[in-house]
Amino acid sequence: MRLEWLEDILAVAETGSLSEAAERRNLTQSAFSRRIQNIEDHVGVSLFDRSRKPVQLRPTTADQRDQIARLAGELRQLTSDLRRGDRASGNRVVIGSQHALTTSLTPDLMRQIGARAPEAYVRLRSANLDECFAMVLSRQADIALVYQVPGEAHPIDAEFIESLSLGEDRLIPVFPRSEAEALNARFQAGELPFIAYPGEVFLGKVMDQVILPRIRVMARAVPKAETALTLAAMELSAGGIGVAWAPQSLAGPQIAAGRFSDLSSSLAACPLDVVAVRISGRQGPTEGAVWDQLAALDIHAR
């Protein structure tokens, strides 16, 4: 299946018109119709219901629309990567970043790396903690940027793994200032609503092992919603649903702007180390330069 064919299918799906899709694809309507017919001949099924206005995807095609869009995006990325040529490939470093870091400290780290090593082309891949380690071990990523609870070992602790401490952050409880009175009333009644993280992700484990045991001696902790994303947790908390625990590096600007309150003086918080991890040994010059720049940085949550 060609990229242009996938884009043709999506153009019809998005416009609901063969003529408008042809215009979007810079083709005459007759040429575009012939290409659609070629696609259907190739796959051996009819993709569109032309008897209806606007033109609609047949149910089997509609079921695959998200996959078609995903494949088209991946093929565009592949094409872009191939066209960058040997120079970009030689300077490329792939960094796996834990989701919680991707939305907080990683953008600033990337900015500092770009300023110090302008020749580097960094490809950032956001993933869960375990996936970040898996990408490094399988050499799908050169470096992983992850959180670590001070004093605790990472899942991979071997001689061939090299770690670098970049600085500190904190997991803090936050809640919108405008909803403080309602939260205090519930807390006085012995209940604390909060936004949970799934138990299998890193922040979920920190909540279960560090935060919640300390909360439960003060009140009954009641999960009101669950998400694996820190940004989503803060958005849910912004609606007054419950207290969210988020990295201070992420929540800091919202606290400074007066939209959220930092409740860590009353509720439990947890320090977090920010760590870079890679496979030790002989590395390419660009990866080595990026690693050296990371070593020169000293980050702290704002």
C-alpha atoms as a PDB file:
ATOM      1  CA  MET A   1       0.000   0.000   0.000  1.00  0.00           C
ATOM      2  CA  ARG A   2       1.490   3.314  -1.098  1.00  0.00           C
ATOM      3  CA  LEU A   3       1.555   6.429   1.058  1.00  0.00           C
ATOM      4  CA  GLU A   4      -0.283   8.405  -1.645  1.00  0.00           C
ATOM      5  CA  TRP A   5      -3.065   5.803  -1.633  1.00  0.00           C
ATOM      6  CA  LEU A   6      -3.495   6.084   2.122  1.00  0.00           C
ATOM      7  CA  GLU A   7      -3.643   9.868   1.802  1.00  0.00           C
ATOM      8  CA  ASP A   8      -6.226   9.550  -0.997  1.00  0.00           C
ATOM      9  CA  ILE A   9      -8.476   7.423   1.223  1.00  0.00           C
ATOM     10  CA  LEU A  10      -8.151   9.886   4.099  1.00  0.00           C
ATOM     11  CA  ALA A  11      -8.891  12.833   1.788  1.00  0.00           C
ATOM     12  CA  VAL A  12     -12.208  11.283   0.745  1.00  0.00           C
ATOM     13  CA  ALA A  13     -13.041  10.363   4.341  1.00  0.00           C
ATOM     14  CA  GLU A  14     -12.350  13.912   5.560  1.00  0.00           C
ATOM     15  CA  THR A  15     -14.102  15.825   2.748  1.00  0.00           C
ATOM     16  CA  GLY A  16     -16.969  13.414   1.972  1.00  0.00           C
ATOM     17  CA  SER A  17     -16.611  14.374  -1.683  1.00  0.00           C
ATOM     18  CA  LEU A  18     -14.583  12.872  -4.534  1.00  0.00           C
ATOM     19  CA  SER A  19     -14.329  16.271  -6.231  1.00  0.00           C
ATOM     20  CA  GLU A  20     -13.141  18.085  -3.086  1.00  0.00           C
ATOM     21  CA  ALA A  21     -10.727  15.250  -2.311  1.00  0.00           C
ATOM     22  CA  ALA A  22      -9.356  15.473  -5.877  1.00  0.00           C
ATOM     23  CA  GLU A  23      -8.827  19.226  -5.429  1.00  0.00           C
ATOM     24  CA  ARG A  24      -7.040  18.654  -2.110  1.00  0.00           C
ATOM     25  CA  ARG A  25      -4.804  16.046  -3.780  1.00  0.00           C
ATOM     26  CA  ASN A  26      -4.107  18.384  -6.736  1.00  0.00           C
ATOM     27  CA  LEU A  27      -5.631  16.015  -9.286  1.00  0.00           C
ATOM     28  CA  THR A  28      -8.460  16.271 -11.771  1.00  0.00           C
ATOM     29  CA  GLN A  29     -11.613  14.498 -10.653  1.00  0.00           C
ATOM     30  CA  SER A  30     -11.311  11.898 -13.434  1.00  0.00           C
ATOM     31  CA  ALA A  31      -7.678  11.144 -12.570  1.00  0.00           C
ATOM     32  CA  PHE A  32      -8.502  10.921  -8.894  1.00  0.00           C
ATOM     33  CA  SER A  33     -11.466   8.614  -9.522  1.00  0.00           C
ATOM     34  CA  ARG A  34      -9.225   6.315 -11.582  1.00  0.00           C
ATOM     35  CA  ARG A  35      -6.707   6.229  -8.734  1.00  0.00           C
ATOM     36  CA  ILE A  36      -9.406   5.355  -6.206  1.00  0.00           C
ATOM     37  CA  GLN A  37     -10.533   2.568  -8.538  1.00  0.00           C
ATOM     38  CA  ASN A  38      -6.926   1.325  -8.747  1.00  0.00           C
ATOM     39  CA  ILE A  39      -6.731   1.231  -4.944  1.00  0.00           C
ATOM     40  CA  GLU A  40      -9.965  -0.766  -4.719  1.00  0.00           C
ATOM     41  CA  ASP A  41      -8.765  -3.139  -7.445  1.00  0.00           C
ATOM     42  CA  HIS A  42      -5.513  -3.623  -5.545  1.00  0.00           C
ATOM     43  CA  VAL A  43      -7.137  -4.489  -2.209  1.00  0.00           C
ATOM     44  CA  GLY A  44     -10.008  -6.346  -3.835  1.00  0.00           C
ATOM     45  CA  VAL A  45     -12.863  -4.579  -2.034  1.00  0.00           C
ATOM     46  CA  SER A  46     -14.969  -1.453  -2.451  1.00  0.00           C
ATOM     47  CA  LEU A  47     -13.829   1.162   0.062  1.00  0.00           C
ATOM     48  CA  PHE A  48     -16.517   3.828  -0.357  1.00  0.00           C
ATOM     49  CA  ASP A  49     -20.308   3.972  -0.536  1.00  0.00           C
ATOM     50  CA  ARG A  50     -20.778   6.214  -3.587  1.00  0.00           C
ATOM     51  CA  SER A  51     -24.575   5.885  -3.500  1.00  0.00           C
ATOM     52  CA  ARG A  52     -24.753   8.276  -0.541  1.00  0.00           C
ATOM     53  CA  LYS A  53     -24.102  12.005  -0.474  1.00  0.00           C
ATOM     54  CA  PRO A  54     -21.706  12.929   0.930  1.00  0.00           C
ATOM     55  CA  VAL A  55     -19.589   9.908   0.008  1.00  0.00           C
ATOM     56  CA  GLN A  56     -19.079   7.720   3.054  1.00  0.00           C
ATOM     57  CA  LEU A  57     -16.614   5.032   4.053  1.00  0.00           C
ATOM     58  CA  ARG A  58     -17.981   1.524   4.006  1.00  0.00           C
ATOM     59  CA  PRO A  59     -18.137   0.044   7.528  1.00  0.00           C
ATOM     60  CA  THR A  60     -15.059  -2.145   7.017  1.00  0.00           C
ATOM     61  CA  THR A  61     -13.076   0.874   5.818  1.00  0.00           C
ATOM     62  CA  ALA A  62     -14.353   3.093   8.642  1.00  0.00           C
ATOM     63  CA  ASP A  63     -13.224   0.501  11.191  1.00  0.00           C
ATOM     64  CA  GLN A  64      -9.681   0.832   9.835  1.00  0.00           C
ATOM     65  CA  ARG A  65      -9.625   4.639   9.517  1.00  0.00           C
ATOM     66  CA  ASP A  66      -7.467   5.218  12.612  1.00  0.00           C
ATOM     67  CA  GLN A  67      -4.986   2.582  11.462  1.00  0.00           C
ATOM     68  CA  ILE A  68      -4.860   4.119   7.987  1.00  0.00           C
ATOM     69  CA  ALA A  69      -4.093   7.531   9.528  1.00  0.00           C
ATOM     70  CA  ARG A  70      -1.440   6.022  11.797  1.00  0.00           C
ATOM     71  CA  LEU A  71       0.245   4.165   8.930  1.00  0.00           C
ATOM     72  CA  ALA A  72       0.216   7.299   6.789  1.00  0.00           C
ATOM     73  CA  GLY A  73       1.852   9.265   9.597  1.00  0.00           C
ATOM     74  CA  GLU A  74       4.513   6.609  10.113  1.00  0.00           C
ATOM     75  CA  LEU A  75       5.280   6.451   6.394  1.00  0.00           C
ATOM     76  CA  ARG A  76       5.586  10.254   6.247  1.00  0.00           C
ATOM     77  CA  GLN A  77       7.995  10.146   9.189  1.00  0.00           C
ATOM     78  CA  LEU A  78       9.991   7.343   7.554  1.00  0.00           C
ATOM     79  CA  THR A  79      10.174   9.277   4.296  1.00  0.00           C
ATOM     80  CA  SER A  80      11.277  12.404   6.157  1.00  0.00           C
ATOM     81  CA  ASP A  81      13.960  10.490   8.066  1.00  0.00           C
ATOM     82  CA  LEU A  82      15.326   8.883   4.881  1.00  0.00           C
ATOM     83  CA  ARG A  83      15.483  12.234   3.121  1.00  0.00           C
ATOM     84  CA  ARG A  84      17.550  13.805   5.859  1.00  0.00           C
ATOM     85  CA  GLY A  85      20.512  11.977   4.392  1.00  0.00           C
ATOM     86  CA  ASP A  86      23.739  10.751   5.860  1.00  0.00           C
ATOM     87  CA  ARG A  87      24.559  13.980   7.669  1.00  0.00           C
ATOM     88  CA  ALA A  88      21.411  13.941   9.827  1.00  0.00           C
ATOM     89  CA  SER A  89      21.718  10.199  10.383  1.00  0.00           C
ATOM     90  CA  GLY A  90      25.286  10.580  11.544  1.00  0.00           C
ATOM     91  CA  ASN A  91      24.295  13.288  14.041  1.00  0.00           C
ATOM     92  CA  ARG A  92      21.092  11.678  15.255  1.00  0.00           C
ATOM     93  CA  VAL A  93      20.581  10.694  18.877  1.00  0.00           C
ATOM     94  CA  VAL A  94      17.394   8.955  19.993  1.00  0.00           C
ATOM     95  CA  ILE A  95      16.305   9.784  23.551  1.00  0.00           C
ATOM     96  CA  GLY A  96      13.558   7.878  25.341  1.00  0.00           C
ATOM     97  CA  SER A  97      11.838  10.113  27.875  1.00  0.00           C
ATOM     98  CA  GLN A  98       9.476   9.010  30.614  1.00  0.00           C
ATOM     99  CA  HIS A  99       6.017  10.499  29.956  1.00  0.00           C
ATOM    100  CA  ALA A 100       6.009  12.580  33.142  1.00  0.00           C
ATOM    101  CA  LEU A 101       9.371  14.102  32.196  1.00  0.00           C
ATOM    102  CA  THR A 102       8.361  14.749  28.585  1.00  0.00           C
ATOM    103  CA  THR A 103       5.763  17.262  29.729  1.00  0.00           C
ATOM    104  CA  SER A 104       7.910  18.910  32.392  1.00  0.00           C
ATOM    105  CA  LEU A 105      11.715  18.976  32.343  1.00  0.00           C
ATOM    106  CA  THR A 106      12.623  17.334  29.018  1.00  0.00           C
ATOM    107  CA  PRO A 107      11.742  20.346  26.787  1.00  0.00           C
ATOM    108  CA  ASP A 108      14.136  22.558  28.760  1.00  0.00           C
ATOM    109  CA  LEU A 109      16.802  19.858  28.638  1.00  0.00           C
ATOM    110  CA  MET A 110      16.407  19.630  24.862  1.00  0.00           C
ATOM    111  CA  ARG A 111      16.755  23.408  24.582  1.00  0.00           C
ATOM    112  CA  GLN A 112      19.980  23.376  26.611  1.00  0.00           C
ATOM    113  CA  ILE A 113      21.385  20.453  24.609  1.00  0.00           C
ATOM    114  CA  GLY A 114      20.559  22.291  21.370  1.00  0.00           C
ATOM    115  CA  ALA A 115      22.388  25.377  22.581  1.00  0.00           C
ATOM    116  CA  ARG A 116      25.466  23.401  23.662  1.00  0.00           C
ATOM    117  CA  ALA A 117      25.542  20.828  20.840  1.00  0.00           C
ATOM    118  CA  PRO A 118      23.878  22.493  17.833  1.00  0.00           C
ATOM    119  CA  GLU A 119      25.051  19.774  15.443  1.00  0.00           C
ATOM    120  CA  ALA A 120      22.976  17.119  17.234  1.00  0.00           C
ATOM    121  CA  TYR A 121      19.660  16.001  15.783  1.00  0.00           C
ATOM    122  CA  VAL A 122      17.648  14.648  18.716  1.00  0.00           C
ATOM    123  CA  ARG A 123      14.679  12.362  18.166  1.00  0.00           C
ATOM    124  CA  LEU A 124      12.559  12.256  21.320  1.00  0.00           C
ATOM    125  CA  ARG A 125      10.379   9.225  22.082  1.00  0.00           C
ATOM    126  CA  SER A 126       8.001   9.471  25.046  1.00  0.00           C
ATOM    127  CA  ALA A 127       7.185   6.219  26.862  1.00  0.00           C
ATOM    128  CA  ASN A 128       6.508   4.595  30.221  1.00  0.00           C
ATOM    129  CA  LEU A 129       9.470   3.879  32.503  1.00  0.00           C
ATOM    130  CA  ASP A 130       9.755   0.195  31.561  1.00  0.00           C
ATOM    131  CA  GLU A 131       9.453   1.032  27.870  1.00  0.00           C
ATOM    132  CA  CYS A 132      12.265   3.603  28.168  1.00  0.00           C
ATOM    133  CA  PHE A 133      14.584   0.939  29.600  1.00  0.00           C
ATOM    134  CA  ALA A 134      13.461  -1.558  26.951  1.00  0.00           C
ATOM    135  CA  MET A 135      14.278   0.941  24.183  1.00  0.00           C
ATOM    136  CA  VAL A 136      17.807   1.389  25.560  1.00  0.00           C
ATOM    137  CA  LEU A 137      18.383  -2.362  25.980  1.00  0.00           C
ATOM    138  CA  SER A 138      17.143  -3.072  22.450  1.00  0.00           C
ATOM    139  CA  ARG A 139      19.152  -0.085  21.121  1.00  0.00           C
ATOM    140  CA  GLN A 140      16.031   1.627  19.819  1.00  0.00           C
ATOM    141  CA  ALA A 141      17.139   4.585  21.966  1.00  0.00           C
ATOM    142  CA  ASP A 142      20.635   5.771  22.809  1.00  0.00           C
ATOM    143  CA  ILE A 143      19.736   7.441  26.104  1.00  0.00           C
ATOM    144  CA  ALA A 144      16.769   7.260  28.477  1.00  0.00           C
ATOM    145  CA  LEU A 145      15.660  10.132  30.724  1.00  0.00           C
ATOM    146  CA  VAL A 146      13.744   8.784  33.709  1.00  0.00           C
ATOM    147  CA  TYR A 147      12.683   9.454  37.281  1.00  0.00           C
ATOM    148  CA  GLN A 148      14.033   7.507  40.242  1.00  0.00           C
ATOM    149  CA  VAL A 149      12.930   7.526  43.871  1.00  0.00           C
ATOM    150  CA  PRO A 150      16.069   8.375  45.891  1.00  0.00           C
ATOM    151  CA  GLY A 151      17.630   5.270  47.380  1.00  0.00           C
ATOM    152  CA  GLU A 152      15.778   2.851  45.123  1.00  0.00           C
ATOM    153  CA  ALA A 153      17.450   0.907  42.318  1.00  0.00           C
ATOM    154  CA  HIS A 154      16.182   0.992  38.761  1.00  0.00           C
ATOM    155  CA  PRO A 155      14.763  -2.209  37.219  1.00  0.00           C
ATOM    156  CA  ILE A 156      18.005  -2.720  35.292  1.00  0.00           C
ATOM    157  CA  ASP A 157      21.112  -2.531  37.440  1.00  0.00           C
ATOM    158  CA  ALA A 158      23.955  -4.146  35.529  1.00  0.00           C
ATOM    159  CA  GLU A 159      27.621  -3.472  34.830  1.00  0.00           C
ATOM    160  CA  PHE A 160      26.891  -2.564  31.208  1.00  0.00           C
ATOM    161  CA  ILE A 161      24.427   0.176  32.244  1.00  0.00           C
ATOM    162  CA  GLU A 162      25.739   3.679  32.876  1.00  0.00           C
ATOM    163  CA  SER A 163      23.691   6.213  34.843  1.00  0.00           C
ATOM    164  CA  LEU A 164      24.025   9.942  35.233  1.00  0.00           C
ATOM    165  CA  SER A 165      22.238  12.043  37.856  1.00  0.00           C
ATOM    166  CA  LEU A 166      20.864  15.221  36.292  1.00  0.00           C
ATOM    167  CA  GLY A 167      19.121  16.862  39.237  1.00  0.00           C
ATOM    168  CA  GLU A 168      16.049  16.762  41.415  1.00  0.00           C
ATOM    169  CA  ASP A 169      12.292  17.126  41.160  1.00  0.00           C
ATOM    170  CA  ARG A 170       9.419  16.448  43.566  1.00  0.00           C
ATOM    171  CA  LEU A 171       6.019  14.782  43.264  1.00  0.00           C
ATOM    172  CA  ILE A 172       3.702  17.223  45.015  1.00  0.00           C
ATOM    173  CA  PRO A 173      -0.050  17.396  45.745  1.00  0.00           C
ATOM    174  CA  VAL A 174      -1.852  20.231  43.975  1.00  0.00           C
ATOM    175  CA  PHE A 175      -5.427  21.484  43.903  1.00  0.00           C
ATOM    176  CA  PRO A 176      -7.117  24.584  42.410  1.00  0.00           C
ATOM    177  CA  ARG A 177      -7.229  27.539  44.788  1.00  0.00           C
ATOM    178  CA  SER A 178     -10.841  28.258  43.837  1.00  0.00           C
ATOM    179  CA  GLU A 179     -11.955  24.861  45.197  1.00  0.00           C
ATOM    180  CA  ALA A 180      -9.950  24.970  48.432  1.00  0.00           C
ATOM    181  CA  GLU A 181     -12.949  25.515  50.732  1.00  0.00           C
ATOM    182  CA  ALA A 182     -14.804  22.471  49.393  1.00  0.00           C
ATOM    183  CA  LEU A 183     -11.672  20.319  49.688  1.00  0.00           C
ATOM    184  CA  ASN A 184     -11.091  21.442  53.288  1.00  0.00           C
ATOM    185  CA  ALA A 185     -14.659  20.517  54.197  1.00  0.00           C
ATOM    186  CA  ARG A 186     -14.252  17.013  52.810  1.00  0.00           C
ATOM    187  CA  PHE A 187     -10.883  16.620  54.492  1.00  0.00           C
ATOM    188  CA  GLN A 188     -12.336  17.708  57.829  1.00  0.00           C
ATOM    189  CA  ALA A 189     -14.997  15.042  57.336  1.00  0.00           C
ATOM    190  CA  GLY A 190     -12.232  12.470  57.032  1.00  0.00           C
ATOM    191  CA  GLU A 191     -12.114  12.046  53.251  1.00  0.00           C
ATOM    192  CA  LEU A 192      -9.530  13.071  50.650  1.00  0.00           C
ATOM    193  CA  PRO A 193     -10.548  12.732  46.956  1.00  0.00           C
ATOM    194  CA  PHE A 194      -7.591  12.269  44.637  1.00  0.00           C
ATOM    195  CA  ILE A 195      -6.639  11.514  41.037  1.00  0.00           C
ATOM    196  CA  ALA A 196      -5.054   8.068  40.794  1.00  0.00           C
ATOM    197  CA  TYR A 197      -2.404   6.719  38.457  1.00  0.00           C
ATOM    198  CA  PRO A 198      -2.569   3.117  37.195  1.00  0.00           C
ATOM    199  CA  GLY A 199      -0.759   0.793  39.562  1.00  0.00           C
ATOM    200  CA  GLU A 200       1.543  -0.586  36.864  1.00  0.00           C
ATOM    201  CA  VAL A 201       3.085   2.784  35.881  1.00  0.00           C
ATOM    202  CA  PHE A 202       5.919   4.482  37.772  1.00  0.00           C
ATOM    203  CA  LEU A 203       3.874   7.256  39.403  1.00  0.00           C
ATOM    204  CA  GLY A 204       1.194   4.736  40.345  1.00  0.00           C
ATOM    205  CA  LYS A 205       3.824   2.729  42.223  1.00  0.00           C
ATOM    206  CA  VAL A 206       5.109   5.875  43.945  1.00  0.00           C
ATOM    207  CA  MET A 207       1.551   6.698  44.991  1.00  0.00           C
ATOM    208  CA  ASP A 208       0.903   3.182  46.322  1.00  0.00           C
ATOM    209  CA  GLN A 209       4.230   2.774  48.114  1.00  0.00           C
ATOM    210  CA  VAL A 210       5.110   6.274  49.316  1.00  0.00           C
ATOM    211  CA  ILE A 211       2.192   8.720  49.163  1.00  0.00           C
ATOM    212  CA  LEU A 212      -0.999   6.853  50.044  1.00  0.00           C
ATOM    213  CA  PRO A 213       0.323   5.081  53.180  1.00  0.00           C
ATOM    214  CA  ARG A 214       1.068   8.531  54.641  1.00  0.00           C
ATOM    215  CA  ILE A 215      -2.294   9.951  53.546  1.00  0.00           C
ATOM    216  CA  ARG A 216      -4.318   7.106  55.051  1.00  0.00           C
ATOM    217  CA  VAL A 217      -3.184   7.901  58.588  1.00  0.00           C
ATOM    218  CA  MET A 218      -4.907  11.286  58.185  1.00  0.00           C
ATOM    219  CA  ALA A 219      -7.997  10.563  56.090  1.00  0.00           C
ATOM    220  CA  ARG A 220      -9.715   8.050  53.864  1.00  0.00           C
ATOM    221  CA  ALA A 221      -8.115   8.403  50.421  1.00  0.00           C
ATOM    222  CA  VAL A 222     -10.812   8.108  47.752  1.00  0.00           C
ATOM    223  CA  PRO A 223      -9.781   7.793  44.085  1.00  0.00           C
ATOM    224  CA  LYS A 224     -12.182   9.802  41.911  1.00  0.00           C
ATOM    225  CA  ALA A 225     -10.530   9.317  38.519  1.00  0.00           C
ATOM    226  CA  GLU A 226      -7.511   7.580  37.018  1.00  0.00           C
ATOM    227  CA  THR A 227      -5.078   8.532  34.281  1.00  0.00           C
ATOM    228  CA  ALA A 228      -1.516   7.638  33.331  1.00  0.00           C
ATOM    229  CA  LEU A 229      -0.754  11.202  32.183  1.00  0.00           C
ATOM    230  CA  THR A 230       0.321  13.935  34.596  1.00  0.00           C
ATOM    231  CA  LEU A 231      -1.116  16.703  32.405  1.00  0.00           C
ATOM    232  CA  ALA A 232      -4.468  14.941  32.388  1.00  0.00           C
ATOM    233  CA  ALA A 233      -4.296  14.503  36.172  1.00  0.00           C
ATOM    234  CA  MET A 234      -3.834  18.249  36.597  1.00  0.00           C
ATOM    235  CA  GLU A 235      -6.710  18.986  34.218  1.00  0.00           C
ATOM    236  CA  LEU A 236      -8.977  16.662  36.191  1.00  0.00           C
ATOM    237  CA  SER A 237      -7.885  18.318  39.419  1.00  0.00           C
ATOM    238  CA  ALA A 238      -8.551  21.751  37.887  1.00  0.00           C
ATOM    239  CA  GLY A 239     -12.199  20.780  37.720  1.00  0.00           C
ATOM    240  CA  GLY A 240     -12.261  20.172  41.468  1.00  0.00           C
ATOM    241  CA  ILE A 241     -12.496  16.378  41.098  1.00  0.00           C
ATOM    242  CA  GLY A 242      -9.653  15.615  43.461  1.00  0.00           C
ATOM    243  CA  VAL A 243      -6.081  16.329  44.518  1.00  0.00           C
ATOM    244  CA  ALA A 244      -3.494  15.527  41.842  1.00  0.00           C
ATOM    245  CA  TRP A 245       0.086  14.554  42.548  1.00  0.00           C
ATOM    246  CA  ALA A 246       2.270  16.028  39.798  1.00  0.00           C
ATOM    247  CA  PRO A 247       5.961  16.826  39.289  1.00  0.00           C
ATOM    248  CA  GLN A 248       6.813  20.211  40.751  1.00  0.00           C
ATOM    249  CA  SER A 249       8.572  21.053  37.469  1.00  0.00           C
ATOM    250  CA  LEU A 250       5.217  20.689  35.706  1.00  0.00           C
ATOM    251  CA  ALA A 251       2.950  22.235  38.340  1.00  0.00           C
ATOM    252  CA  GLY A 252       5.282  25.106  39.275  1.00  0.00           C
ATOM    253  CA  PRO A 253       4.092  27.633  36.666  1.00  0.00           C
ATOM    254  CA  GLN A 254       0.422  26.954  37.547  1.00  0.00           C
ATOM    255  CA  ILE A 255       1.206  27.449  41.237  1.00  0.00           C
ATOM    256  CA  ALA A 256       3.141  30.653  40.555  1.00  0.00           C
ATOM    257  CA  ALA A 257       0.208  31.962  38.496  1.00  0.00           C
ATOM    258  CA  GLY A 258      -2.133  31.391  41.438  1.00  0.00           C
ATOM    259  CA  ARG A 259      -4.316  28.772  39.754  1.00  0.00           C
ATOM    260  CA  PHE A 260      -3.155  25.857  41.899  1.00  0.00           C
ATOM    261  CA  SER A 261      -2.036  25.505  45.489  1.00  0.00           C
ATOM    262  CA  ASP A 262       0.904  23.372  46.556  1.00  0.00           C
ATOM    263  CA  LEU A 263      -0.455  21.219  49.413  1.00  0.00           C
ATOM    264  CA  SER A 264       2.823  19.502  50.255  1.00  0.00           C
ATOM    265  CA  SER A 265       3.024  21.300  53.614  1.00  0.00           C
ATOM    266  CA  SER A 266      -0.113  19.410  54.669  1.00  0.00           C
ATOM    267  CA  LEU A 267      -0.107  16.298  52.481  1.00  0.00           C
ATOM    268  CA  ALA A 268       2.639  13.864  51.507  1.00  0.00           C
ATOM    269  CA  ALA A 269       5.175  14.643  48.791  1.00  0.00           C
ATOM    270  CA  CYS A 270       8.022  12.565  47.367  1.00  0.00           C
ATOM    271  CA  PRO A 271      11.462  13.649  46.103  1.00  0.00           C
ATOM    272  CA  LEU A 272      12.431  12.377  42.658  1.00  0.00           C
ATOM    273  CA  ASP A 273      15.870  12.112  41.070  1.00  0.00           C
ATOM    274  CA  VAL A 274      16.135  12.784  37.341  1.00  0.00           C
ATOM    275  CA  VAL A 275      18.508  10.252  35.787  1.00  0.00           C
ATOM    276  CA  ALA A 276      19.970   9.617  32.336  1.00  0.00           C
ATOM    277  CA  VAL A 277      20.696   5.992  31.438  1.00  0.00           C
ATOM    278  CA  ARG A 278      22.602   4.389  28.550  1.00  0.00           C
ATOM    279  CA  ILE A 279      24.551   1.256  27.656  1.00  0.00           C
ATOM    280  CA  SER A 280      28.185   1.853  28.539  1.00  0.00           C
ATOM    281  CA  GLY A 281      31.036   1.296  26.124  1.00  0.00           C
ATOM    282  CA  ARG A 282      32.031   2.742  22.775  1.00  0.00           C
ATOM    283  CA  GLN A 283      29.552   5.383  21.608  1.00  0.00           C
ATOM    284  CA  GLY A 284      29.209   7.547  18.526  1.00  0.00           C
ATOM    285  CA  PRO A 285      30.610  11.092  18.668  1.00  0.00           C
ATOM    286  CA  THR A 286      27.209  12.788  18.706  1.00  0.00           C
ATOM    287  CA  GLU A 287      25.818  10.573  21.454  1.00  0.00           C
ATOM    288  CA  GLY A 288      29.001  11.159  23.424  1.00  0.00           C
ATOM    289  CA  ALA A 289      28.653  14.928  22.985  1.00  0.00           C
ATOM    290  CA  VAL A 290      25.018  14.857  24.125  1.00  0.00           C
ATOM    291  CA  TRP A 291      25.939  12.719  27.154  1.00  0.00           C
ATOM    292  CA  ASP A 292      28.727  15.144  28.060  1.00  0.00           C
ATOM    293  CA  GLN A 293      26.294  18.049  27.797  1.00  0.00           C
ATOM    294  CA  LEU A 294      23.827  16.251  30.054  1.00  0.00           C
ATOM    295  CA  ALA A 295      26.625  15.731  32.578  1.00  0.00           C
ATOM    296  CA  ALA A 296      27.286  19.478  32.567  1.00  0.00           C
ATOM    297  CA  LEU A 297      23.662  20.335  33.380  1.00  0.00           C
ATOM    298  CA  ASP A 298      22.245  20.705  36.886  1.00  0.00           C
ATOM    299  CA  ILE A 299      18.470  20.817  36.879  1.00  0.00           C
ATOM    300  CA  HIS A 300      16.096  21.624  39.700  1.00  0.00           C
ATOM    301  CA  ALA A 301      12.321  21.828  39.732  1.00  0.00           C
ATOM    302  CA  ARG A 302      11.120  25.407  39.502  1.00  0.00           C
END
